[in-house]
C-alpha atoms as a PDB file:
ATOM      1  CA  UNK A   1      68.022  64.367  35.191  1.00  0.00           C
ATOM      2  CA  UNK A   2      70.685  63.841  37.918  1.00  0.00           C
ATOM      3  CA  UNK A   3      69.946  64.233  41.394  1.00  0.00           C
ATOM      4  CA  UNK A   4      71.683  67.511  41.757  1.00  0.00           C
ATOM      5  CA  UNK A   5      69.259  68.809  39.132  1.00  0.00           C
ATOM      6  CA  UNK A   6      66.728  66.856  40.431  1.00  0.00           C
ATOM      7  CA  UNK A   7      66.837  68.412  44.105  1.00  0.00           C
ATOM      8  CA  UNK A   8      66.933  71.941  43.008  1.00  0.00           C
ATOM      9  CA  UNK A   9      64.197  71.926  40.625  1.00  0.00           C
ATOM     10  CA  UNK A  10      62.455  70.435  44.130  1.00  0.00           C
ATOM     11  CA  UNK A  11      63.786  73.340  45.614  1.00  0.00           C
ATOM     12  CA  UNK A  12      62.912  76.217  43.094  1.00  0.00           C
ATOM     13  CA  UNK A  13      59.101  74.530  43.120  1.00  0.00           C
ATOM     14  CA  UNK A  14      59.070  75.112  46.834  1.00  0.00           C
ATOM     15  CA  UNK A  15      60.602  78.559  47.322  1.00  0.00           C
ATOM     16  CA  UNK A  16      58.565  80.208  44.718  1.00  0.00           C
ATOM     17  CA  UNK A  17      55.109  78.582  45.034  1.00  0.00           C
ATOM     18  CA  UNK A  18      52.150  80.970  44.827  1.00  0.00           C
ATOM     19  CA  UNK A  19      52.839  81.604  48.403  1.00  0.00           C
ATOM     20  CA  UNK A  20      57.116  81.849  47.818  1.00  0.00           C
ATOM     21  CA  UNK A  21      56.526  84.481  45.159  1.00  0.00           C
ATOM     22  CA  UNK A  22      53.803  86.707  47.248  1.00  0.00           C
ATOM     23  CA  UNK A  23      56.088  87.101  49.933  1.00  0.00           C
ATOM     24  CA  UNK A  24      58.781  87.606  47.345  1.00  0.00           C
ATOM     25  CA  UNK A  25      57.013  89.997  45.402  1.00  0.00           C
ATOM     26  CA  UNK A  26      56.170  91.993  49.233  1.00  0.00           C
ATOM     27  CA  UNK A  27      60.431  92.568  49.516  1.00  0.00           C
ATOM     28  CA  UNK A  28      61.598  92.694  45.665  1.00  0.00           C
ATOM     29  CA  UNK A  29      58.424  94.830  43.820  1.00  0.00           C
ATOM     30  CA  UNK A  30      55.336  93.358  42.223  1.00  0.00           C
ATOM     31  CA  UNK A  31      56.385  90.913  39.275  1.00  0.00           C
ATOM     32  CA  UNK A  32      60.038  90.525  40.769  1.00  0.00           C
ATOM     33  CA  UNK A  33      61.519  87.972  42.554  1.00  0.00           C
ATOM     34  CA  UNK A  34      65.244  89.059  42.953  1.00  0.00           C
ATOM     35  CA  UNK A  35      67.150  92.185  44.436  1.00  0.00           C
ATOM     36  CA  UNK A  36      66.476  95.693  42.551  1.00  0.00           C
ATOM     37  CA  UNK A  37      63.039  94.761  40.989  1.00  0.00           C
ATOM     38  CA  UNK A  38      62.193  97.479  38.071  1.00  0.00           C
ATOM     39  CA  UNK A  39      65.723  99.416  38.765  1.00  0.00           C
ATOM     40  CA  UNK A  40      67.523  96.131  37.562  1.00  0.00           C
ATOM     41  CA  UNK A  41      65.041  95.436  34.722  1.00  0.00           C
ATOM     42  CA  UNK A  42      66.126  99.394  33.685  1.00  0.00           C
ATOM     43  CA  UNK A  43      69.298  99.505  34.136  1.00  0.00           C
ATOM     44  CA  UNK A  44      69.900  95.752  31.950  1.00  0.00           C
ATOM     45  CA  UNK A  45      67.863  97.101  29.491  1.00  0.00           C
ATOM     46  CA  UNK A  46      70.206 100.187  29.675  1.00  0.00           C
ATOM     47  CA  UNK A  47      72.732  97.981  28.123  1.00  0.00           C
ATOM     48  CA  UNK A  48      71.079  95.357  26.226  1.00  0.00           C
ATOM     49  CA  UNK A  49      69.283  98.683  24.057  1.00  0.00           C
ATOM     50  CA  UNK A  50      66.019  96.423  22.733  1.00  0.00           C
ATOM     51  CA  UNK A  51      64.112  98.374  20.543  1.00  0.00           C
ATOM     52  CA  UNK A  52      60.489  97.653  19.524  1.00  0.00           C
ATOM     53  CA  UNK A  53      61.471  95.689  17.238  1.00  0.00           C
ATOM     54  CA  UNK A  54      63.509  92.931  18.768  1.00  0.00           C
ATOM     55  CA  UNK A  55      62.170  89.584  19.935  1.00  0.00           C
ATOM     56  CA  UNK A  56      62.930  88.816  23.463  1.00  0.00           C
ATOM     57  CA  UNK A  57      63.601  85.563  24.981  1.00  0.00           C
ATOM     58  CA  UNK A  58      63.567  86.598  28.927  1.00  0.00           C
ATOM     59  CA  UNK A  59      64.752  83.113  30.051  1.00  0.00           C
ATOM     60  CA  UNK A  60      63.306  82.674  33.749  1.00  0.00           C
ATOM     61  CA  UNK A  61      60.680  85.392  33.775  1.00  0.00           C
ATOM     62  CA  UNK A  62      59.323  84.407  36.990  1.00  0.00           C
ATOM     63  CA  UNK A  63      55.858  86.174  37.522  1.00  0.00           C
ATOM     64  CA  UNK A  64      56.795  88.433  34.476  1.00  0.00           C
ATOM     65  CA  UNK A  65      57.789  91.712  35.488  1.00  0.00           C
ATOM     66  CA  UNK A  66      60.788  91.928  33.270  1.00  0.00           C
ATOM     67  CA  UNK A  67      58.445  91.156  30.411  1.00  0.00           C
ATOM     68  CA  UNK A  68      55.707  93.431  31.010  1.00  0.00           C
ATOM     69  CA  UNK A  69      58.113  96.411  31.417  1.00  0.00           C
ATOM     70  CA  UNK A  70      60.044  95.344  28.129  1.00  0.00           C
ATOM     71  CA  UNK A  71      56.473  95.315  26.725  1.00  0.00           C
ATOM     72  CA  UNK A  72      54.806  98.335  28.147  1.00  0.00           C
ATOM     73  CA  UNK A  73      58.439 100.762  27.433  1.00  0.00           C
ATOM     74  CA  UNK A  74      60.063  99.827  25.123  1.00  0.00           C
ATOM     75  CA  UNK A  75      57.237  98.496  22.823  1.00  0.00           C
ATOM     76  CA  UNK A  76      58.530  95.210  21.988  1.00  0.00           C
ATOM     77  CA  UNK A  77      57.460  91.342  21.878  1.00  0.00           C
ATOM     78  CA  UNK A  78      58.697  88.874  25.215  1.00  0.00           C
ATOM     79  CA  UNK A  79      57.852  85.762  25.451  1.00  0.00           C
ATOM     80  CA  UNK A  80      58.971  84.365  28.652  1.00  0.00           C
ATOM     81  CA  UNK A  81      60.327  80.981  30.167  1.00  0.00           C
ATOM     82  CA  UNK A  82      59.747  79.717  33.223  1.00  0.00           C
ATOM     83  CA  UNK A  83      60.184  76.203  34.903  1.00  0.00           C
ATOM     84  CA  UNK A  84      57.282  76.938  37.596  1.00  0.00           C
ATOM     85  CA  UNK A  85      53.781  76.784  36.625  1.00  0.00           C
ATOM     86  CA  UNK A  86      52.269  79.635  38.931  1.00  0.00           C
ATOM     87  CA  UNK A  87      54.733  81.976  38.317  1.00  0.00           C
ATOM     88  CA  UNK A  88      53.682  81.388  34.324  1.00  0.00           C
ATOM     89  CA  UNK A  89      49.879  81.711  35.300  1.00  0.00           C
ATOM     90  CA  UNK A  90      50.901  84.795  37.911  1.00  0.00           C
ATOM     91  CA  UNK A  91      52.706  86.434  34.599  1.00  0.00           C
ATOM     92  CA  UNK A  92      50.018  86.092  32.402  1.00  0.00           C
ATOM     93  CA  UNK A  93      47.424  87.829  34.653  1.00  0.00           C
ATOM     94  CA  UNK A  94      50.314  90.934  35.405  1.00  0.00           C
ATOM     95  CA  UNK A  95      50.609  90.883  31.625  1.00  0.00           C
ATOM     96  CA  UNK A  96      46.871  91.175  30.811  1.00  0.00           C
ATOM     97  CA  UNK A  97      45.975  93.780  34.175  1.00  0.00           C
ATOM     98  CA  UNK A  98      49.016  95.770  32.080  1.00  0.00           C
ATOM     99  CA  UNK A  99      47.288  95.415  29.029  1.00  0.00           C
ATOM    100  CA  UNK A 100      50.310  93.802  26.916  1.00  0.00           C
ATOM    101  CA  UNK A 101      49.257  90.962  26.872  1.00  0.00           C
ATOM    102  CA  UNK A 102      48.929  91.094  23.255  1.00  0.00           C
ATOM    103  CA  UNK A 103      52.925  91.818  23.118  1.00  0.00           C
ATOM    104  CA  UNK A 104      53.466  89.244  25.870  1.00  0.00           C
ATOM    105  CA  UNK A 105      53.417  85.357  26.365  1.00  0.00           C
ATOM    106  CA  UNK A 106      54.551  82.781  29.031  1.00  0.00           C
ATOM    107  CA  UNK A 107      55.149  79.605  28.557  1.00  0.00           C
ATOM    108  CA  UNK A 108      56.894  76.918  31.102  1.00  0.00           C
ATOM    109  CA  UNK A 109      59.837  74.871  30.239  1.00  0.00           C
ATOM    110  CA  UNK A 110      62.795  74.376  31.055  1.00  0.00           C
ATOM    111  CA  UNK A 111      66.236  76.399  30.168  1.00  0.00           C
ATOM    112  CA  UNK A 112      68.238  73.712  29.297  1.00  0.00           C
ATOM    113  CA  UNK A 113      65.647  72.562  26.776  1.00  0.00           C
ATOM    114  CA  UNK A 114      63.893  75.371  25.805  1.00  0.00           C
ATOM    115  CA  UNK A 115      60.359  74.423  23.636  1.00  0.00           C
ATOM    116  CA  UNK A 116      61.240  77.022  20.849  1.00  0.00           C
ATOM    117  CA  UNK A 117      62.537  76.739  17.564  1.00  0.00           C
ATOM    118  CA  UNK A 118      66.218  77.622  16.802  1.00  0.00           C
ATOM    119  CA  UNK A 119      67.694  81.480  15.582  1.00  0.00           C
ATOM    120  CA  UNK A 120      63.504  82.312  16.996  1.00  0.00           C
ATOM    121  CA  UNK A 121      64.530  85.520  18.757  1.00  0.00           C
ATOM    122  CA  UNK A 122      66.984  88.282  18.344  1.00  0.00           C
ATOM    123  CA  UNK A 123      67.735  88.737  22.072  1.00  0.00           C
ATOM    124  CA  UNK A 124      68.343  86.289  25.083  1.00  0.00           C
ATOM    125  CA  UNK A 125      67.361  88.261  28.250  1.00  0.00           C
ATOM    126  CA  UNK A 126      68.117  86.657  31.972  1.00  0.00           C
ATOM    127  CA  UNK A 127      67.249  88.338  35.742  1.00  0.00           C
ATOM    128  CA  UNK A 128      68.752  86.831  38.395  1.00  0.00           C
ATOM    129  CA  UNK A 129      67.596  83.617  37.208  1.00  0.00           C
ATOM    130  CA  UNK A 130      70.513  81.595  35.724  1.00  0.00           C
ATOM    131  CA  UNK A 131      72.260  80.661  39.140  1.00  0.00           C
ATOM    132  CA  UNK A 132      69.301  78.333  39.598  1.00  0.00           C
ATOM    133  CA  UNK A 133      70.414  76.525  36.748  1.00  0.00           C
ATOM    134  CA  UNK A 134      72.334  72.840  37.335  1.00  0.00           C
ATOM    135  CA  UNK A 135      73.727  72.895  33.398  1.00  0.00           C
ATOM    136  CA  UNK A 136      74.514  75.952  32.318  1.00  0.00           C
ATOM    137  CA  UNK A 137      76.527  74.672  29.185  1.00  0.00           C
ATOM    138  CA  UNK A 138      73.275  73.457  28.300  1.00  0.00           C
ATOM    139  CA  UNK A 139      71.905  76.770  29.273  1.00  0.00           C
ATOM    140  CA  UNK A 140      73.862  78.746  26.947  1.00  0.00           C
ATOM    141  CA  UNK A 141      74.119  76.159  24.328  1.00  0.00           C
ATOM    142  CA  UNK A 142      69.993  76.281  24.108  1.00  0.00           C
ATOM    143  CA  UNK A 143      70.898  80.560  24.509  1.00  0.00           C
ATOM    144  CA  UNK A 144      72.806  79.955  21.239  1.00  0.00           C
ATOM    145  CA  UNK A 145      70.800  78.001  19.596  1.00  0.00           C
ATOM    146  CA  UNK A 146      67.465  80.143  19.680  1.00  0.00           C
ATOM    147  CA  UNK A 147      69.556  82.836  19.292  1.00  0.00           C
ATOM    148  CA  UNK A 148      69.322  84.721  15.631  1.00  0.00           C
ATOM    149  CA  UNK A 149      72.513  85.143  13.975  1.00  0.00           C
ATOM    150  CA  UNK A 150      74.191  89.079  15.130  1.00  0.00           C
ATOM    151  CA  UNK A 151      71.472  88.873  18.391  1.00  0.00           C
ATOM    152  CA  UNK A 152      72.574  90.152  22.026  1.00  0.00           C
ATOM    153  CA  UNK A 153      72.005  87.949  25.201  1.00  0.00           C
ATOM    154  CA  UNK A 154      71.989  89.940  27.993  1.00  0.00           C
ATOM    155  CA  UNK A 155      71.358  89.368  31.317  1.00  0.00           C
ATOM    156  CA  UNK A 156      72.184  89.796  35.270  1.00  0.00           C
ATOM    157  CA  UNK A 157      72.781  86.987  38.317  1.00  0.00           C
ATOM    158  CA  UNK A 158      74.165  86.540  41.500  1.00  0.00           C
ATOM    159  CA  UNK A 159      77.959  85.817  41.340  1.00  0.00           C
ATOM    160  CA  UNK A 160      79.932  84.286  43.779  1.00  0.00           C
ATOM    161  CA  UNK A 161      82.927  86.419  45.330  1.00  0.00           C
ATOM    162  CA  UNK A 162      84.380  85.020  47.958  1.00  0.00           C
ATOM    163  CA  UNK A 163      85.449  81.721  49.073  1.00  0.00           C
ATOM    164  CA  UNK A 164      82.786  78.296  49.203  1.00  0.00           C
ATOM    165  CA  UNK A 165      82.618  77.488  52.384  1.00  0.00           C
ATOM    166  CA  UNK A 166      80.209  74.915  54.870  1.00  0.00           C
ATOM    167  CA  UNK A 167      77.987  78.131  55.544  1.00  0.00           C
ATOM    168  CA  UNK A 168      77.715  78.546  51.632  1.00  0.00           C
ATOM    169  CA  UNK A 169      77.646  74.931  50.643  1.00  0.00           C
ATOM    170  CA  UNK A 170      75.020  74.138  53.403  1.00  0.00           C
ATOM    171  CA  UNK A 171      73.109  77.044  54.473  1.00  0.00           C
ATOM    172  CA  UNK A 172      73.360  79.900  51.483  1.00  0.00           C
ATOM    173  CA  UNK A 173      72.644  77.309  48.559  1.00  0.00           C
ATOM    174  CA  UNK A 174      69.530  75.552  50.157  1.00  0.00           C
ATOM    175  CA  UNK A 175      67.918  78.450  51.052  1.00  0.00           C
ATOM    176  CA  UNK A 176      68.441  80.388  47.840  1.00  0.00           C
ATOM    177  CA  UNK A 177      67.759  77.086  45.856  1.00  0.00           C
ATOM    178  CA  UNK A 178      70.963  77.572  43.950  1.00  0.00           C
ATOM    179  CA  UNK A 179      73.397  74.477  43.141  1.00  0.00           C
ATOM    180  CA  UNK A 180      76.061  77.401  43.159  1.00  0.00           C
ATOM    181  CA  UNK A 181      77.009  80.746  41.466  1.00  0.00           C
ATOM    182  CA  UNK A 182      78.976  81.368  39.202  1.00  0.00           C
ATOM    183  CA  UNK A 183      81.596  83.632  38.912  1.00  0.00           C
ATOM    184  CA  UNK A 184      82.280  86.820  36.485  1.00  0.00           C
ATOM    185  CA  UNK A 185      85.123  84.989  34.953  1.00  0.00           C
ATOM    186  CA  UNK A 186      82.602  81.519  34.960  1.00  0.00           C
ATOM    187  CA  UNK A 187      80.259  83.693  33.124  1.00  0.00           C
ATOM    188  CA  UNK A 188      82.668  85.351  30.474  1.00  0.00           C
ATOM    189  CA  UNK A 189      83.886  81.451  30.189  1.00  0.00           C
ATOM    190  CA  UNK A 190      80.557  80.014  29.016  1.00  0.00           C
ATOM    191  CA  UNK A 191      79.896  82.585  27.188  1.00  0.00           C
ATOM    192  CA  UNK A 192      83.346  82.300  25.194  1.00  0.00           C
ATOM    193  CA  UNK A 193      83.101  78.572  24.512  1.00  0.00           C
ATOM    194  CA  UNK A 194      79.710  78.748  23.477  1.00  0.00           C
ATOM    195  CA  UNK A 195      80.679  81.259  20.475  1.00  0.00           C
ATOM    196  CA  UNK A 196      80.070  84.725  22.007  1.00  0.00           C
ATOM    197  CA  UNK A 197      81.643  87.790  20.720  1.00  0.00           C
ATOM    198  CA  UNK A 198      81.908  91.586  21.889  1.00  0.00           C
ATOM    199  CA  UNK A 199      81.691  90.757  25.436  1.00  0.00           C
ATOM    200  CA  UNK A 200      80.624  93.318  27.855  1.00  0.00           C
ATOM    201  CA  UNK A 201      80.902  92.217  32.328  1.00  0.00           C
ATOM    202  CA  UNK A 202      80.128  95.039  34.966  1.00  0.00           C
ATOM    203  CA  UNK A 203      80.548  93.809  38.649  1.00  0.00           C
ATOM    204  CA  UNK A 204      77.378  95.678  40.411  1.00  0.00           C
ATOM    205  CA  UNK A 205      78.133  93.496  43.970  1.00  0.00           C
ATOM    206  CA  UNK A 206      77.937  97.029  45.749  1.00  0.00           C
ATOM    207  CA  UNK A 207      74.474  97.453  44.226  1.00  0.00           C
ATOM    208  CA  UNK A 208      73.101  94.152  45.068  1.00  0.00           C
ATOM    209  CA  UNK A 209      74.458  94.076  48.614  1.00  0.00           C
ATOM    210  CA  UNK A 210      72.970  97.910  49.271  1.00  0.00           C
ATOM    211  CA  UNK A 211      69.330  96.141  47.752  1.00  0.00           C
ATOM    212  CA  UNK A 212      69.491  93.185  50.175  1.00  0.00           C
ATOM    213  CA  UNK A 213      70.147  95.586  53.052  1.00  0.00           C
ATOM    214  CA  UNK A 214      66.130  97.421  51.503  1.00  0.00           C
ATOM    215  CA  UNK A 215      64.656  93.710  51.304  1.00  0.00           C
ATOM    216  CA  UNK A 216      65.574  92.774  54.724  1.00  0.00           C
ATOM    217  CA  UNK A 217      64.179  96.426  55.924  1.00  0.00           C
ATOM    218  CA  UNK A 218      60.746  95.310  54.020  1.00  0.00           C
ATOM    219  CA  UNK A 219      60.878  91.925  55.216  1.00  0.00           C
ATOM    220  CA  UNK A 220      61.080  93.322  59.051  1.00  0.00           C
ATOM    221  CA  UNK A 221      57.561  95.454  57.778  1.00  0.00           C
ATOM    222  CA  UNK A 222      56.320  92.840  55.881  1.00  0.00           C
ATOM    223  CA  UNK A 223      55.936  90.814  59.662  1.00  0.00           C
ATOM    224  CA  UNK A 224      52.515  91.061  60.865  1.00  0.00           C
ATOM    225  CA  UNK A 225      51.227  90.770  57.190  1.00  0.00           C
ATOM    226  CA  UNK A 226      53.224  87.424  56.900  1.00  0.00           C
ATOM    227  CA  UNK A 227      51.997  86.111  59.981  1.00  0.00           C
ATOM    228  CA  UNK A 228      48.396  86.733  59.781  1.00  0.00           C
ATOM    229  CA  UNK A 229      48.486  85.780  56.605  1.00  0.00           C
ATOM    230  CA  UNK A 230      50.404  82.408  56.463  1.00  0.00           C
ATOM    231  CA  UNK A 231      51.355  81.690  60.240  1.00  0.00           C
ATOM    232  CA  UNK A 232      54.450  82.760  62.175  1.00  0.00           C
ATOM    233  CA  UNK A 233      56.343  79.116  60.882  1.00  0.00           C
ATOM    234  CA  UNK A 234      56.206  80.895  57.502  1.00  0.00           C
ATOM    235  CA  UNK A 235      57.608  84.595  58.895  1.00  0.00           C
ATOM    236  CA  UNK A 236      60.456  82.633  60.661  1.00  0.00           C
ATOM    237  CA  UNK A 237      61.249  80.378  57.707  1.00  0.00           C
ATOM    238  CA  UNK A 238      61.393  83.473  55.145  1.00  0.00           C
ATOM    239  CA  UNK A 239      63.520  85.188  57.786  1.00  0.00           C
ATOM    240  CA  UNK A 240      66.074  82.697  58.117  1.00  0.00           C
ATOM    241  CA  UNK A 241      66.566  81.620  54.552  1.00  0.00           C
ATOM    242  CA  UNK A 242      67.017  85.900  53.829  1.00  0.00           C
ATOM    243  CA  UNK A 243      68.966  86.094  56.409  1.00  0.00           C
ATOM    244  CA  UNK A 244      71.746  83.649  54.693  1.00  0.00           C
ATOM    245  CA  UNK A 245      72.027  85.437  51.704  1.00  0.00           C
ATOM    246  CA  UNK A 246      72.004  88.904  53.852  1.00  0.00           C
ATOM    247  CA  UNK A 247      74.638  87.718  55.911  1.00  0.00           C
ATOM    248  CA  UNK A 248      76.450  86.565  52.362  1.00  0.00           C
ATOM    249  CA  UNK A 249      76.232  90.045  50.810  1.00  0.00           C
ATOM    250  CA  UNK A 250      77.067  91.551  54.001  1.00  0.00           C
ATOM    251  CA  UNK A 251      80.259  89.031  54.518  1.00  0.00           C
ATOM    252  CA  UNK A 252      80.886  90.445  50.345  1.00  0.00           C
ATOM    253  CA  UNK A 253      81.060  86.055  49.718  1.00  0.00           C
ATOM    254  CA  UNK A 254      78.487  86.916  46.928  1.00  0.00           C
ATOM    255  CA  UNK A 255      77.942  89.699  45.329  1.00  0.00           C
ATOM    256  CA  UNK A 256      76.430  90.267  42.155  1.00  0.00           C
ATOM    257  CA  UNK A 257      76.888  92.010  37.839  1.00  0.00           C
ATOM    258  CA  UNK A 258      75.391  92.088  34.558  1.00  0.00           C
ATOM    259  CA  UNK A 259      76.582  90.827  31.284  1.00  0.00           C
ATOM    260  CA  UNK A 260      76.286  91.447  27.472  1.00  0.00           C
ATOM    261  CA  UNK A 261      77.199  89.667  24.295  1.00  0.00           C
ATOM    262  CA  UNK A 262      76.743  89.227  20.947  1.00  0.00           C
ATOM    263  CA  UNK A 263      76.270  86.054  18.174  1.00  0.00           C
ATOM    264  CA  UNK A 264      78.084  86.716  15.544  1.00  0.00           C
ATOM    265  CA  UNK A 265      76.547  86.664  12.075  1.00  0.00           C
END
């Protein structure tokens, strides 16, 4: 693993520690580590259209919100994969508390070297997680490998919509534990490069910006809880990091989108 991958992995484990994940869920909703929360899961599910017979792999599952929702609402089986062990432990507990642990399983692992058999799944799912992966060519190669012929890939993610300036490189990316954001066109190119067809894309940047405004309001509401539970320094760090993202959304430097494509038969 190269230096960039090492540093990104360290930032991910730091940002999404048990403390980090607990605070983030206060901003986005139980089970979620990204803006939009359950609303974003429901929107992506309308695009992906899974059924109870779909075998889903949720790549970058976080603390399991989307996987649990899919199992509960659709009735399908879901396997969640995440780099952070504490996320996996939290996701397993969440699935059990919602009574869907017979449909959902979670495994720790690397999205660029997945511990699954070829053609093991009929749908690959991702919700605002792939921006954290340094080697996206390897990620999409693995998605194509584990997906059965005719299977679907559906994901949403943060996107670069403006300039890559010093603020973006030295403030935003470290604060959000990302090596860089892909563009809408960039993700389309990756899908094409790895053999996917029938590609659908949708720019949701306005929605992402709106959800981040709401997240910042919830952060202010949680000020006393964070300060009393973790201390004022933790609140200051969380406020600063989320402030960078809020500024980037407000200035239309970053946005978001969702994608669907199919692996040929």
